[in-house]
Each structure stands twice: as structure tokens, then as C-alpha cells.
Amino acid sequence: MLEWMWPWVFVVAPVPVLIFYFSRGGSLQPAALRAPFAARWQSLSGTRQPSQSGR
């Protein structure tokens, strides 16, 4: 006979997926890395960030 040791786990298991699905709004945390010198790095490497269009 099959015995479920923790049947509540099957009820709680989809909770992280539901939280991810319903919290698709903005980010709740600020950026983890702040690099005010990122523009200088880009100029030194010769790469350019694509400009955003006004659409």
C-alpha cells in the first residue's frame, strides 16, 4: 500500500510557480550592481549600446 508521509507537500509544491506567474509586474528589488563607470568601460572597449527608439 502506498502511504503519503507528507501529503501537504503536494498542496504547497505549486506555490512558487503561482508566485512567479502572478508577480510578473515590475522588479521588487533595485539593481544588484551599480556601475556609474559603465559608460567609460563601453567607450574604452569601442562598443556602443544601441540607442532606444522613441516608438
C-alpha atoms as a PDB file:
ATOM      1  CA  MET A   1       0.000   0.000   0.000  1.00  0.00           C
ATOM      2  CA  LEU A   2       1.254   3.494  -0.878  1.00  0.00           C
ATOM      3  CA  GLU A   3       1.449   5.824   2.102  1.00  0.00           C
ATOM      4  CA  TRP A   4       1.994   9.552   1.793  1.00  0.00           C
ATOM      5  CA  MET A   5       4.303  10.721   4.566  1.00  0.00           C
ATOM      6  CA  TRP A   6       3.744  14.437   3.898  1.00  0.00           C
ATOM      7  CA  PRO A   7       0.566  14.963   1.842  1.00  0.00           C
ATOM      8  CA  TRP A   8       0.700  18.739   2.393  1.00  0.00           C
ATOM      9  CA  VAL A   9       3.808  18.914   0.163  1.00  0.00           C
ATOM     10  CA  PHE A  10       1.645  18.258  -2.898  1.00  0.00           C
ATOM     11  CA  VAL A  11      -0.583  21.185  -1.971  1.00  0.00           C
ATOM     12  CA  VAL A  12       2.320  23.574  -1.314  1.00  0.00           C
ATOM     13  CA  ALA A  13       4.532  22.487  -4.241  1.00  0.00           C
ATOM     14  CA  PRO A  14       2.891  24.690  -6.935  1.00  0.00           C
ATOM     15  CA  VAL A  15       3.102  27.848  -4.778  1.00  0.00           C
ATOM     16  CA  PRO A  16       6.466  29.087  -6.208  1.00  0.00           C
ATOM     17  CA  VAL A  17       5.148  28.683  -9.755  1.00  0.00           C
ATOM     18  CA  LEU A  18       1.989  30.596  -8.868  1.00  0.00           C
ATOM     19  CA  ILE A  19       4.002  33.381  -7.250  1.00  0.00           C
ATOM     20  CA  PHE A  20       6.188  33.656 -10.349  1.00  0.00           C
ATOM     21  CA  TYR A  21       3.155  33.686 -12.651  1.00  0.00           C
ATOM     22  CA  PHE A  22       1.191  36.311 -10.732  1.00  0.00           C
ATOM     23  CA  SER A  23       4.111  38.608  -9.887  1.00  0.00           C
ATOM     24  CA  ARG A  24       5.176  39.445 -13.418  1.00  0.00           C
ATOM     25  CA  GLY A  25       4.965  43.174 -12.672  1.00  0.00           C
ATOM     26  CA  GLY A  26       7.974  45.330 -12.063  1.00  0.00           C
ATOM     27  CA  SER A  27      11.003  44.214 -10.202  1.00  0.00           C
ATOM     28  CA  LEU A  28      10.668  44.411  -6.437  1.00  0.00           C
ATOM     29  CA  GLN A  29      14.401  44.828  -5.874  1.00  0.00           C
ATOM     30  CA  PRO A  30      16.727  47.519  -7.147  1.00  0.00           C
ATOM     31  CA  ALA A  31      19.619  46.585  -9.375  1.00  0.00           C
ATOM     32  CA  ALA A  32      22.205  44.486  -7.593  1.00  0.00           C
ATOM     33  CA  LEU A  33      25.144  46.110  -9.356  1.00  0.00           C
ATOM     34  CA  ARG A  34      25.583  49.825  -9.777  1.00  0.00           C
ATOM     35  CA  ALA A  35      28.383  50.807 -12.079  1.00  0.00           C
ATOM     36  CA  PRO A  36      28.442  54.562 -12.717  1.00  0.00           C
ATOM     37  CA  PHE A  37      31.583  53.982 -14.753  1.00  0.00           C
ATOM     38  CA  ALA A  38      29.911  51.557 -17.213  1.00  0.00           C
ATOM     39  CA  ALA A  39      29.773  54.228 -19.932  1.00  0.00           C
ATOM     40  CA  ARG A  40      33.528  54.712 -19.580  1.00  0.00           C
ATOM     41  CA  TRP A  41      34.097  50.951 -19.955  1.00  0.00           C
ATOM     42  CA  GLN A  42      31.988  50.943 -23.110  1.00  0.00           C
ATOM     43  CA  SER A  43      33.958  53.831 -24.584  1.00  0.00           C
ATOM     44  CA  LEU A  44      37.244  52.086 -23.790  1.00  0.00           C
ATOM     45  CA  SER A  45      36.127  48.816 -25.367  1.00  0.00           C
ATOM     46  CA  GLY A  46      34.859  50.507 -28.511  1.00  0.00           C
ATOM     47  CA  THR A  47      31.373  49.016 -28.286  1.00  0.00           C
ATOM     48  CA  ARG A  48      28.253  51.101 -28.289  1.00  0.00           C
ATOM     49  CA  GLN A  49      24.953  50.414 -26.605  1.00  0.00           C
ATOM     50  CA  PRO A  50      22.115  50.514 -29.128  1.00  0.00           C
ATOM     51  CA  SER A  51      20.052  53.655 -28.767  1.00  0.00           C
ATOM     52  CA  GLN A  52      16.425  53.238 -27.811  1.00  0.00           C
ATOM     53  CA  SER A  53      13.886  54.308 -30.383  1.00  0.00           C
ATOM     54  CA  GLY A  54      11.117  56.732 -29.486  1.00  0.00           C
ATOM     55  CA  ARG A  55       8.343  54.397 -30.566  1.00  0.00           C
END
